[in-house]
Amino acid sequence: MQRLPATLCRKIARPACDVFINHRGIDTKRNIAELLYDRLRRMKVRSFLDSMNMKPGDRLFDHIDKAILGCKVGVAVFSPRYCDSYFCLHELALLMESKKRVVPIFYDVKPSQLVVKDNGTCPSKELQRFSLALEEAKYTVGLTFDSLKGDWSELLRDASDAVIMNLLEVEEEHRRMKRKLNCEY
């Protein structure tokens, strides 16, 4: 049997991204989401943003769910219409259920304004799942930003710093767990 090149093996074994950026595209894709993605990419942080990492023909939930489960840190960019999106809430719930570190950014919205709305199209079990995830995110220390008064460069610096600090903490936790497991055997 032919052996695979080491570079290909590393690529297969390595998760698709370190950071998953969860956002409401219509509100934030052309500003904070893409700016943060670009800044993290320039810092050599592998990030996932749907418009940058997906191509026509990709199965939406398969691709996104795999990226969420493989990431180390999530960034949830909350905006005024965030809770109108089933996709945003599904992604947030999956981030929270898989115990990922999440850095909330409250973009032109206060945490108290974020509420899951029942428009009659979503099963009650999903609504409950989304509400639990949203409540957990609202009580996580995050960044707030007013797009009319805020300093964009400061937001990007603070957001990328928060992501890097969380990545370092997650990696240190993994190292400690690995050492602990090695000591037990």
Protein backbone atom coordinates (compact mmCIF):
# COMPACT_ATOMS: atom_id res chain seq x y z
CA MET A 1 0.00 0.00 0.00
CA GLN A 2 1.30 3.45 -0.92
CA ARG A 3 2.03 5.87 1.96
CA LEU A 4 0.51 9.32 1.97
CA PRO A 5 2.91 12.28 2.00
CA ALA A 6 3.43 13.67 5.52
CA THR A 7 2.14 17.12 4.50
CA LEU A 8 -1.12 15.58 3.31
CA CYS A 9 -1.48 13.59 6.54
CA ARG A 10 -0.98 16.73 8.62
CA LYS A 11 -3.55 18.55 6.53
CA ILE A 12 -6.12 15.77 7.01
CA ALA A 13 -5.50 15.44 10.75
CA ARG A 14 -5.55 19.16 11.40
CA PRO A 15 -8.93 20.81 12.03
CA ALA A 16 -10.16 23.22 9.38
CA CYS A 17 -9.87 26.24 11.66
CA ASP A 18 -8.88 27.53 15.06
CA VAL A 19 -11.57 30.21 15.19
CA PHE A 20 -15.17 30.10 13.97
CA ILE A 21 -16.81 33.49 13.30
CA ASN A 22 -20.56 33.31 13.92
CA HIS A 23 -22.44 36.33 12.58
CA ARG A 24 -25.59 37.56 10.82
CA GLY A 25 -24.26 38.15 7.33
CA ILE A 26 -26.73 40.83 6.30
CA ASP A 27 -25.72 42.92 9.34
CA THR A 28 -22.02 42.27 9.76
CA LYS A 29 -20.39 40.36 6.89
CA ARG A 30 -19.09 43.44 5.05
CA ASN A 31 -17.73 45.07 8.16
CA ILE A 32 -16.75 43.46 11.47
CA ALA A 33 -16.89 39.80 10.35
CA GLU A 34 -14.67 40.21 7.27
CA LEU A 35 -12.37 42.73 8.96
CA LEU A 36 -11.80 40.42 11.92
CA TYR A 37 -11.35 37.41 9.62
CA ASP A 38 -8.74 39.31 7.60
CA ARG A 39 -6.89 40.54 10.68
CA LEU A 40 -6.75 37.05 12.21
CA ARG A 41 -5.61 35.56 8.88
CA ARG A 42 -2.76 38.09 8.71
CA MET A 43 -1.83 36.99 12.25
CA LYS A 44 -1.65 33.38 10.91
CA VAL A 45 -4.77 32.31 12.85
CA ARG A 46 -6.83 29.85 10.83
CA SER A 47 -10.36 31.24 10.92
CA PHE A 48 -13.66 30.17 9.41
CA LEU A 49 -16.02 32.67 7.82
CA ASP A 50 -18.68 31.14 5.60
CA SER A 51 -18.15 33.50 2.67
CA MET A 52 -14.40 32.86 2.72
CA ASN A 53 -14.27 29.13 3.44
CA MET A 54 -17.22 27.71 1.53
CA LYS A 55 -17.76 27.24 -2.18
CA PRO A 56 -20.77 26.42 -4.35
CA GLY A 57 -21.71 22.80 -3.84
CA ASP A 58 -20.67 22.62 -0.16
CA ARG A 59 -23.39 21.20 2.08
CA LEU A 60 -24.17 24.08 4.42
CA PHE A 61 -24.74 22.32 7.75
CA ASP A 62 -22.11 19.63 7.13
CA HIS A 63 -19.40 22.17 6.40
CA ILE A 64 -20.33 24.63 9.14
CA ASP A 65 -20.95 22.01 11.82
CA LYS A 66 -17.59 20.37 11.06
CA ALA A 67 -15.83 23.75 11.36
CA ILE A 68 -17.54 24.48 14.69
CA LEU A 69 -16.73 21.08 16.15
CA GLY A 70 -13.11 21.38 14.99
CA CYS A 71 -12.46 24.93 16.16
CA LYS A 72 -10.91 25.94 19.46
CA VAL A 73 -12.62 29.33 19.90
CA GLY A 74 -15.80 30.87 18.58
CA VAL A 75 -16.54 34.54 18.02
CA ALA A 76 -20.24 35.41 18.16
CA VAL A 77 -20.96 38.78 16.56
CA PHE A 78 -24.39 39.73 17.89
CA SER A 79 -26.27 42.36 15.90
CA PRO A 80 -29.82 43.77 15.99
CA ARG A 81 -31.22 41.05 13.65
CA TYR A 82 -28.99 38.19 14.80
CA CYS A 83 -31.84 36.36 16.56
CA ASP A 84 -33.93 36.41 13.35
CA SER A 85 -31.57 33.86 11.83
CA TYR A 86 -32.04 30.14 12.41
CA PHE A 87 -28.50 29.57 11.13
CA CYS A 88 -26.92 32.02 13.60
CA LEU A 89 -28.78 30.47 16.51
CA HIS A 90 -27.95 26.92 15.39
CA GLU A 91 -24.25 27.81 15.16
CA LEU A 92 -24.29 29.49 18.56
CA ALA A 93 -26.06 26.51 20.14
CA LEU A 94 -23.52 24.11 18.66
CA LEU A 95 -20.62 26.26 19.91
CA MET A 96 -22.09 26.29 23.42
CA GLU A 97 -23.11 22.61 23.45
CA SER A 98 -19.62 21.57 22.36
CA LYS A 99 -18.16 23.66 25.20
CA LYS A 100 -16.14 25.96 22.96
CA ARG A 101 -14.75 29.21 24.29
CA VAL A 102 -16.88 31.99 22.84
CA VAL A 103 -15.92 35.65 22.58
CA PRO A 104 -19.13 37.69 22.24
CA ILE A 105 -19.13 40.96 20.34
CA PHE A 106 -22.27 43.01 20.91
CA TYR A 107 -22.42 45.07 17.72
CA ASP A 108 -25.07 47.83 17.90
CA VAL A 109 -27.07 45.73 20.36
CA LYS A 110 -27.24 45.29 24.12
CA PRO A 111 -27.24 41.74 25.53
CA SER A 112 -30.69 42.34 27.07
CA GLN A 113 -32.10 43.01 23.57
CA LEU A 114 -31.19 39.53 22.33
CA VAL A 115 -34.22 37.26 22.52
CA VAL A 116 -35.17 34.14 20.58
CA LYS A 117 -38.44 34.80 18.78
CA ASP A 118 -41.01 32.12 18.04
CA ASN A 119 -42.24 32.79 14.51
CA GLY A 120 -44.03 29.44 14.37
CA THR A 121 -41.57 27.70 12.01
CA CYS A 122 -39.14 26.29 14.55
CA PRO A 123 -39.86 23.27 16.79
CA SER A 124 -40.12 24.11 20.50
CA LYS A 125 -37.16 21.85 21.30
CA GLU A 126 -34.95 23.95 18.97
CA LEU A 127 -36.29 27.21 20.45
CA GLN A 128 -35.34 25.97 23.92
CA ARG A 129 -31.89 24.92 22.67
CA PHE A 130 -31.36 28.35 21.09
CA SER A 131 -32.60 30.21 24.18
CA LEU A 132 -30.22 28.31 26.47
CA ALA A 133 -27.26 29.04 24.20
CA LEU A 134 -28.19 32.71 23.89
CA GLU A 135 -28.54 33.09 27.67
CA GLU A 136 -25.13 31.50 28.21
CA ALA A 137 -23.56 33.82 25.62
CA LYS A 138 -25.24 36.91 27.10
CA TYR A 139 -23.61 36.13 30.44
CA THR A 140 -20.14 35.72 28.96
CA VAL A 141 -17.81 38.70 29.14
CA GLY A 142 -17.60 40.23 25.70
CA LEU A 143 -16.94 43.39 23.74
CA THR A 144 -19.50 46.07 22.95
CA PHE A 145 -19.39 48.30 19.92
CA ASP A 146 -21.49 51.19 18.65
CA SER A 147 -20.84 51.47 14.91
CA LEU A 148 -21.74 55.17 14.86
CA LYS A 149 -19.45 56.23 17.70
CA GLY A 150 -16.91 53.42 18.08
CA ASP A 151 -13.30 53.24 16.98
CA TRP A 152 -13.02 50.43 14.42
CA SER A 153 -9.29 49.90 14.83
CA GLU A 154 -9.73 49.64 18.60
CA LEU A 155 -12.52 47.08 18.19
CA LEU A 156 -10.44 44.96 15.81
CA ARG A 157 -7.42 45.14 18.10
CA ASP A 158 -9.47 44.24 21.19
CA ALA A 159 -11.35 41.44 19.40
CA SER A 160 -8.21 39.86 17.93
CA ASP A 161 -6.41 40.18 21.30
CA ALA A 162 -9.34 38.45 23.02
CA VAL A 163 -9.31 35.66 20.43
CA ILE A 164 -5.54 35.15 20.78
CA MET A 165 -5.74 35.09 24.59
CA ASN A 166 -8.54 32.53 24.49
CA LEU A 167 -6.66 30.40 21.95
CA LEU A 168 -3.58 30.41 24.18
CA GLU A 169 -5.68 29.43 27.22
CA VAL A 170 -7.41 26.60 25.32
CA GLU A 171 -4.07 25.27 24.07
CA GLU A 172 -2.62 25.43 27.58
CA GLU A 173 -5.65 23.51 28.93
CA HIS A 174 -5.11 20.85 26.24
CA ARG A 175 -1.42 20.57 27.17
CA ARG A 176 -2.29 20.18 30.88
CA MET A 177 -4.89 17.53 30.09
CA LYS A 178 -2.44 15.67 27.88
CA ARG A 179 0.25 15.75 30.60
CA LYS A 180 -2.29 14.56 33.16
CA LEU A 181 -3.39 11.69 30.93
CA ASN A 182 0.24 10.72 30.25
CA CYS A 183 0.94 10.65 33.99
CA GLU A 184 -2.04 8.37 34.65
CA TYR A 185 -0.76 5.69 32.27
